[in-house]
Amino acid sequence: MSHPDQPPGTARPPISVVIPAHNAAATIARALESVRAQAYAPLEVIVVDDASTDGTADAVRARSDRAVRLIVHETNRGPAAARNTGIFAAEGDWIAFLDADDEWRPGKLDRQVAALGAQPGAVFAVCDGSFVRPDGSVSRHVYTGTPPVAGPEAWRTLLAYSFTASSCVVADRRVLVELGGFDPDLRVGEDQDMWIRLAMRGSVAVVMDRLIVVHESPLSHMPRHALAESAQLIAMVERHVEARRRDLGRRDARAILGARCTEIGRNAYAAGATGTGARLLLKAIRYGHRRPGNALFLVHASPPGRWLKRALRALRRPLPG
């Protein structure tokens, strides 16, 4: 895991923490406290305030110390650009990402650094975590339904589905810079795009422990951009599949695209975009992915299907008198 310019025998590489923040005054202190709770002390913490209007910068200044650097964008540029600002300002060999409304569990950095050292050619490490509702209950875990894959071929799995979240990742800064950082033109899926590109450059190290907490909120970036996911995320995956089609082969390419169409199609339905969801699920069926399951989903989720289910429930109700 050592870099060429890292002193021989250095076992604990310097890590910079990058926290993009937009209107995060209510949560940034919690995120910073979770970094301070790490036994593995990072070299620096960089908070990039992406033109917040709620006093986020003041909240950082009120709780920061000399290890925290605050960079403020004058205009809102999105999470990809905010992370890039942090990456290119960082001095550490490795970047640990943390979203401003999330938090780390104690021991996260220690376990991930150990995993990076144990995985030859590792360019980034991931871990499991929990998604927590506003009432404190756990809705799911990062690895739920998306088992992680370690090693140099993990990019194939990341094309089919994402098995990580931004706050789970510790990545090689050198490679991040060589790749030009996150794609600022992607308003959604910019993180998945980066993990795919990173995985194509080296191995992925996997930690099975649940070391982050993602706090769900209807005002967070992803729910607000759920409908855009269907267009931008599919297009991003299709570009990567086309670029590596020779390595993948026709069968694997169709399986990857089918899996993505199924996932994003069902998400579109959940977000209320039934027309987009139906088109993507029909596309998944043509790719041969979960044909019976997707066909049944379309029947049950379509307006006629929902009407039929309501009618059947009404028939089962006892008649008055």
Protein backbone atom coordinates (compact mmCIF):
# COMPACT_ATOMS: atom_id res chain seq x y z
CA MET A 1 0.00 0.00 0.00
CA SER A 2 3.03 2.29 0.33
CA HIS A 3 3.56 5.03 -2.23
CA PRO A 4 6.93 5.50 -3.96
CA ASP A 5 7.53 8.73 -2.02
CA GLN A 6 6.48 7.27 1.33
CA PRO A 7 9.37 6.67 3.76
CA PRO A 8 10.44 2.99 4.00
CA GLY A 9 8.81 1.10 6.84
CA THR A 10 5.97 3.60 7.27
CA ALA A 11 2.98 1.53 8.38
CA ARG A 12 0.42 4.27 8.94
CA PRO A 13 0.00 6.40 5.80
CA PRO A 14 -1.27 9.97 6.15
CA ILE A 15 -5.00 10.28 5.50
CA SER A 16 -6.93 13.40 4.60
CA VAL A 17 -10.65 13.46 5.39
CA VAL A 18 -12.81 15.26 2.81
CA ILE A 19 -16.31 16.38 3.86
CA PRO A 20 -18.48 18.07 1.22
CA ALA A 21 -21.21 20.12 2.88
CA HIS A 22 -24.25 22.02 1.65
CA ASN A 23 -26.69 23.44 4.20
CA ALA A 24 -25.34 21.01 6.79
CA ALA A 25 -25.27 23.29 9.85
CA ALA A 26 -27.47 20.86 11.79
CA THR A 27 -25.30 17.80 11.14
CA ILE A 28 -21.70 18.89 10.50
CA ALA A 29 -20.75 18.84 14.20
CA ARG A 30 -21.83 15.19 14.45
CA ALA A 31 -19.73 14.29 11.42
CA LEU A 32 -16.67 16.09 12.79
CA GLU A 33 -17.05 14.46 16.20
CA SER A 34 -17.09 11.02 14.56
CA VAL A 35 -13.76 11.85 12.91
CA ARG A 36 -12.28 13.03 16.20
CA ALA A 37 -13.37 9.73 17.78
CA GLN A 38 -11.08 7.75 15.48
CA ALA A 39 -8.02 6.21 17.13
CA TYR A 40 -6.25 6.62 13.77
CA ALA A 41 -5.77 10.37 13.69
CA PRO A 42 -6.02 11.80 10.17
CA LEU A 43 -3.46 14.26 8.88
CA GLU A 44 -6.18 16.83 8.21
CA VAL A 45 -9.92 17.29 7.84
CA ILE A 46 -11.11 19.40 4.90
CA VAL A 47 -14.69 20.67 4.93
CA VAL A 48 -15.82 22.09 1.60
CA ASP A 49 -18.84 24.33 2.13
CA ASP A 50 -20.65 24.30 -1.22
CA ALA A 51 -22.27 27.76 -0.96
CA SER A 52 -24.48 26.95 2.03
CA THR A 53 -27.11 29.45 3.13
CA ASP A 54 -27.76 28.09 6.64
CA GLY A 55 -24.56 29.00 8.47
CA THR A 56 -22.66 25.77 7.78
CA ALA A 57 -19.33 27.61 7.62
CA ASP A 58 -19.99 29.25 11.00
CA ALA A 59 -20.88 25.85 12.49
CA VAL A 60 -17.55 24.47 11.26
CA ARG A 61 -15.60 27.42 12.62
CA ALA A 62 -17.33 27.09 15.99
CA ARG A 63 -16.25 23.47 16.42
CA SER A 64 -13.07 23.23 14.39
CA ASP A 65 -9.47 23.13 15.48
CA ARG A 66 -6.14 23.42 13.69
CA ALA A 67 -6.64 20.01 12.06
CA VAL A 68 -9.78 21.24 10.25
CA ARG A 69 -9.51 23.28 7.06
CA LEU A 70 -12.58 25.08 5.74
CA ILE A 71 -12.92 25.89 2.04
CA VAL A 72 -15.98 27.83 0.88
CA HIS A 73 -17.44 27.77 -2.64
CA GLU A 74 -19.00 31.11 -3.55
CA THR A 75 -21.55 29.39 -5.79
CA ASN A 76 -23.18 25.97 -5.44
CA ARG A 77 -21.29 23.52 -7.67
CA GLY A 78 -22.63 20.15 -6.51
CA PRO A 79 -21.16 17.24 -4.52
CA ALA A 80 -18.74 16.11 -7.24
CA ALA A 81 -17.07 19.52 -7.48
CA ALA A 82 -17.03 19.87 -3.68
CA ARG A 83 -15.23 16.53 -3.29
CA ASN A 84 -12.80 17.50 -6.05
CA THR A 85 -11.94 20.73 -4.25
CA GLY A 86 -11.08 18.68 -1.19
CA ILE A 87 -9.10 16.08 -3.14
CA PHE A 88 -6.90 18.64 -4.91
CA ALA A 89 -6.33 20.60 -1.69
CA ALA A 90 -5.46 17.51 0.37
CA GLU A 91 -1.95 16.66 1.51
CA GLY A 92 -2.50 13.04 2.58
CA ASP A 93 -1.67 9.97 0.51
CA TRP A 94 -5.18 8.63 1.04
CA ILE A 95 -8.58 10.32 1.05
CA ALA A 96 -11.34 9.24 3.42
CA PHE A 97 -14.71 10.57 2.30
CA LEU A 98 -17.44 11.52 4.75
CA ASP A 99 -20.73 13.18 3.84
CA ALA A 100 -21.72 15.98 6.19
CA ASP A 101 -24.93 14.28 7.33
CA ASP A 102 -23.27 10.90 8.00
CA GLU A 103 -20.98 9.66 10.76
CA TRP A 104 -18.25 7.07 11.25
CA ARG A 105 -18.14 4.36 13.89
CA PRO A 106 -15.02 4.20 16.09
CA GLY A 107 -12.23 2.15 14.54
CA LYS A 108 -13.25 2.76 10.93
CA LEU A 109 -9.94 4.14 9.69
CA ASP A 110 -7.86 1.53 11.56
CA ARG A 111 -9.77 -1.37 10.01
CA GLN A 112 -9.72 0.06 6.52
CA VAL A 113 -6.01 0.86 6.59
CA ALA A 114 -5.36 -2.73 7.69
CA ALA A 115 -7.52 -4.02 4.83
CA LEU A 116 -5.68 -1.84 2.31
CA GLY A 117 -2.37 -3.22 3.51
CA ALA A 118 -3.62 -6.79 3.16
CA GLN A 119 -4.99 -6.36 -0.39
CA PRO A 120 -2.25 -6.27 -3.07
CA GLY A 121 -2.61 -3.36 -5.46
CA ALA A 122 -5.52 -1.84 -3.52
CA VAL A 123 -6.64 1.61 -4.69
CA PHE A 124 -9.59 1.93 -2.34
CA ALA A 125 -11.32 0.23 0.57
CA VAL A 126 -15.01 -0.06 1.44
CA CYS A 127 -16.93 -1.10 4.54
CA ASP A 128 -20.48 -1.92 5.54
CA GLY A 129 -22.77 0.53 7.29
CA SER A 130 -26.33 1.24 8.34
CA PHE A 131 -28.98 3.50 6.84
CA VAL A 132 -30.92 5.09 9.69
CA ARG A 133 -34.33 6.76 9.45
CA PRO A 134 -35.04 10.10 11.18
CA ASP A 135 -36.72 8.18 14.05
CA GLY A 136 -33.47 6.26 14.70
CA SER A 137 -34.57 2.90 13.28
CA VAL A 138 -32.38 1.07 10.78
CA SER A 139 -33.92 0.77 7.32
CA ARG A 140 -31.20 -1.35 5.73
CA HIS A 141 -27.45 -1.88 5.52
CA VAL A 142 -25.01 -0.88 2.79
CA TYR A 143 -24.32 -4.49 1.83
CA THR A 144 -28.00 -5.52 1.99
CA GLY A 145 -28.75 -7.17 -1.35
CA THR A 146 -25.46 -5.91 -2.78
CA PRO A 147 -22.65 -8.15 -1.50
CA PRO A 148 -19.19 -6.61 -1.90
CA VAL A 149 -16.45 -8.05 -4.08
CA ALA A 150 -12.74 -7.63 -3.36
CA GLY A 151 -9.78 -7.80 -5.70
CA PRO A 152 -8.84 -6.56 -9.17
CA GLU A 153 -12.07 -7.71 -10.89
CA ALA A 154 -14.44 -5.82 -8.58
CA TRP A 155 -15.13 -3.29 -11.36
CA ARG A 156 -17.32 -5.87 -13.09
CA THR A 157 -19.60 -6.08 -10.06
CA LEU A 158 -19.62 -2.30 -9.57
CA LEU A 159 -20.93 -1.95 -13.11
CA ALA A 160 -23.89 -4.20 -12.24
CA TYR A 161 -24.58 -2.66 -8.82
CA SER A 162 -22.95 -0.44 -6.25
CA PHE A 163 -21.94 -2.10 -2.99
CA THR A 164 -20.70 1.00 -1.20
CA ALA A 165 -21.60 4.53 -0.13
CA SER A 166 -19.40 7.61 -0.25
CA SER A 167 -18.80 7.71 3.51
CA CYS A 168 -17.54 4.11 3.36
CA VAL A 169 -14.62 4.82 1.04
CA VAL A 170 -10.91 5.40 1.66
CA ALA A 171 -9.16 5.94 -1.70
CA ASP A 172 -5.69 6.50 -3.10
CA ARG A 173 -5.33 10.25 -3.66
CA ARG A 174 -2.73 9.74 -6.38
CA VAL A 175 -5.17 7.72 -8.48
CA LEU A 176 -8.06 10.08 -7.75
CA VAL A 177 -5.98 12.96 -9.11
CA GLU A 178 -4.82 10.97 -12.14
CA LEU A 179 -8.47 10.24 -12.96
CA GLY A 180 -9.32 13.94 -12.76
CA GLY A 181 -11.55 13.53 -9.73
CA PHE A 182 -15.32 13.10 -9.77
CA ASP A 183 -17.29 14.02 -12.88
CA PRO A 184 -18.98 17.37 -12.05
CA ASP A 185 -21.40 16.95 -14.97
CA LEU A 186 -23.09 14.08 -13.12
CA ARG A 187 -25.61 15.41 -10.62
CA VAL A 188 -26.39 11.86 -9.51
CA GLY A 189 -24.23 8.75 -9.72
CA GLU A 190 -21.00 10.72 -9.66
CA ASP A 191 -19.81 8.59 -6.74
CA GLN A 192 -20.66 5.29 -8.46
CA ASP A 193 -18.86 6.49 -11.58
CA MET A 194 -15.75 7.19 -9.52
CA TRP A 195 -15.76 3.82 -7.75
CA ILE A 196 -16.03 2.07 -11.14
CA ARG A 197 -13.14 4.07 -12.57
CA LEU A 198 -11.02 3.49 -9.47
CA ALA A 199 -11.72 -0.26 -9.52
CA MET A 200 -10.57 -0.38 -13.15
CA ARG A 201 -7.19 0.93 -11.96
CA GLY A 202 -6.51 -1.56 -9.16
CA SER A 203 -7.90 -3.79 -6.45
CA VAL A 204 -10.70 -3.15 -3.99
CA ALA A 205 -10.25 -3.99 -0.30
CA VAL A 206 -13.37 -5.01 1.61
CA VAL A 207 -14.14 -4.66 5.32
CA MET A 208 -17.27 -6.52 6.42
CA ASP A 209 -17.82 -4.48 9.61
CA ARG A 210 -20.56 -1.85 9.79
CA LEU A 211 -18.46 1.24 10.32
CA ILE A 212 -20.63 4.11 9.09
CA VAL A 213 -24.10 5.50 9.72
CA VAL A 214 -25.97 7.10 6.82
CA HIS A 215 -28.72 9.35 8.15
CA GLU A 216 -31.63 9.29 5.73
CA SER A 217 -33.53 12.50 5.04
CA PRO A 218 -36.06 13.48 2.37
CA LEU A 219 -34.04 16.69 1.92
CA SER A 220 -30.76 14.90 1.17
CA HIS A 221 -29.21 15.07 -2.29
CA MET A 222 -30.21 11.63 -3.57
CA PRO A 223 -33.98 11.72 -2.87
CA ARG A 224 -34.19 15.18 -4.44
CA HIS A 225 -32.55 13.87 -7.61
CA ALA A 226 -34.16 10.43 -7.74
CA LEU A 227 -35.87 11.01 -11.09
CA ALA A 228 -32.64 12.17 -12.78
CA GLU A 229 -31.03 8.87 -11.76
CA SER A 230 -32.87 6.96 -14.48
CA ALA A 231 -31.22 8.95 -17.26
CA GLN A 232 -27.78 9.87 -15.93
CA LEU A 233 -26.94 6.65 -14.11
CA ILE A 234 -27.96 4.35 -16.95
CA ALA A 235 -26.05 6.47 -19.46
CA MET A 236 -22.94 6.41 -17.24
CA VAL A 237 -23.01 2.61 -16.89
CA GLU A 238 -23.63 2.17 -20.62
CA ARG A 239 -20.53 4.28 -21.39
CA HIS A 240 -18.35 2.13 -19.15
CA VAL A 241 -19.77 -1.12 -20.54
CA GLU A 242 -19.17 0.05 -24.10
CA ALA A 243 -15.57 1.03 -23.26
CA ARG A 244 -14.89 -2.42 -21.76
CA ARG A 245 -17.12 -4.48 -24.05
CA ARG A 246 -14.15 -6.47 -25.38
CA ASP A 247 -13.20 -7.49 -21.83
CA LEU A 248 -16.77 -8.20 -20.77
CA GLY A 249 -18.14 -10.08 -23.76
CA ARG A 250 -21.75 -9.92 -24.94
CA ARG A 251 -23.21 -12.12 -22.22
CA ASP A 252 -21.71 -10.23 -19.27
CA ALA A 253 -22.48 -6.86 -20.86
CA ARG A 254 -26.16 -7.79 -21.23
CA ALA A 255 -26.30 -9.13 -17.66
CA ILE A 256 -24.82 -5.89 -16.28
CA LEU A 257 -27.14 -3.64 -18.26
CA GLY A 258 -30.13 -5.80 -17.38
CA ALA A 259 -29.31 -5.62 -13.68
CA ARG A 260 -28.99 -1.84 -13.82
CA CYS A 261 -32.25 -1.41 -15.74
CA THR A 262 -34.04 -3.54 -13.15
CA GLU A 263 -32.64 -1.59 -10.20
CA ILE A 264 -33.17 1.87 -11.65
CA GLY A 265 -36.54 0.99 -13.15
CA ARG A 266 -37.88 -0.09 -9.77
CA ASN A 267 -36.39 3.02 -8.15
CA ALA A 268 -38.15 5.14 -10.75
CA TYR A 269 -41.45 3.48 -9.85
CA ALA A 270 -40.82 4.20 -6.18
CA ALA A 271 -40.14 7.85 -7.04
CA GLY A 272 -43.41 8.10 -8.97
CA ALA A 273 -41.93 8.01 -12.49
CA THR A 274 -44.00 5.02 -13.60
CA GLY A 275 -43.51 5.59 -17.33
CA THR A 276 -39.73 5.70 -17.02
CA GLY A 277 -39.78 2.72 -14.67
CA ALA A 278 -41.86 0.66 -17.08
CA ARG A 279 -39.56 1.44 -20.01
CA LEU A 280 -36.48 0.41 -18.04
CA LEU A 281 -38.05 -2.81 -16.76
CA LEU A 282 -39.12 -3.75 -20.29
CA LYS A 283 -35.54 -3.10 -21.37
CA ALA A 284 -34.29 -5.35 -18.54
CA ILE A 285 -36.64 -8.09 -19.74
CA ARG A 286 -35.21 -7.77 -23.26
CA TYR A 287 -31.72 -8.14 -21.78
CA GLY A 288 -32.95 -11.36 -20.16
CA HIS A 289 -32.63 -10.13 -16.58
CA ARG A 290 -35.20 -11.49 -14.09
CA ARG A 291 -37.83 -11.86 -16.78
CA PRO A 292 -40.58 -13.47 -14.66
CA GLY A 293 -39.96 -11.19 -11.66
CA ASN A 294 -39.88 -8.00 -13.72
CA ALA A 295 -42.98 -9.03 -15.67
CA LEU A 296 -44.87 -9.65 -12.41
CA PHE A 297 -43.65 -6.35 -11.00
CA LEU A 298 -45.00 -4.52 -14.05
CA VAL A 299 -48.35 -6.26 -13.73
CA HIS A 300 -48.69 -5.47 -10.02
CA ALA A 301 -47.20 -1.97 -10.13
CA SER A 302 -49.00 -0.70 -13.23
CA PRO A 303 -52.19 1.39 -12.76
CA PRO A 304 -54.44 -1.45 -14.04
CA GLY A 305 -52.65 -3.88 -11.76
CA ARG A 306 -53.11 -1.62 -8.75
CA TRP A 307 -56.82 -1.17 -9.62
CA LEU A 308 -57.23 -4.95 -9.87
CA LYS A 309 -55.62 -5.50 -6.47
CA ARG A 310 -57.91 -2.91 -4.88
CA ALA A 311 -60.93 -4.54 -6.52
CA LEU A 312 -59.92 -7.99 -5.26
CA ARG A 313 -59.46 -6.65 -1.73
CA ALA A 314 -62.92 -5.07 -1.93
CA LEU A 315 -64.44 -8.38 -2.98
CA ARG A 316 -63.00 -10.07 0.09
CA ARG A 317 -64.65 -7.60 2.45
CA PRO A 318 -67.88 -8.85 4.04
CA LEU A 319 -71.05 -7.24 2.76
CA PRO A 320 -72.93 -5.02 5.27
CA GLY A 321 -75.85 -6.69 7.08
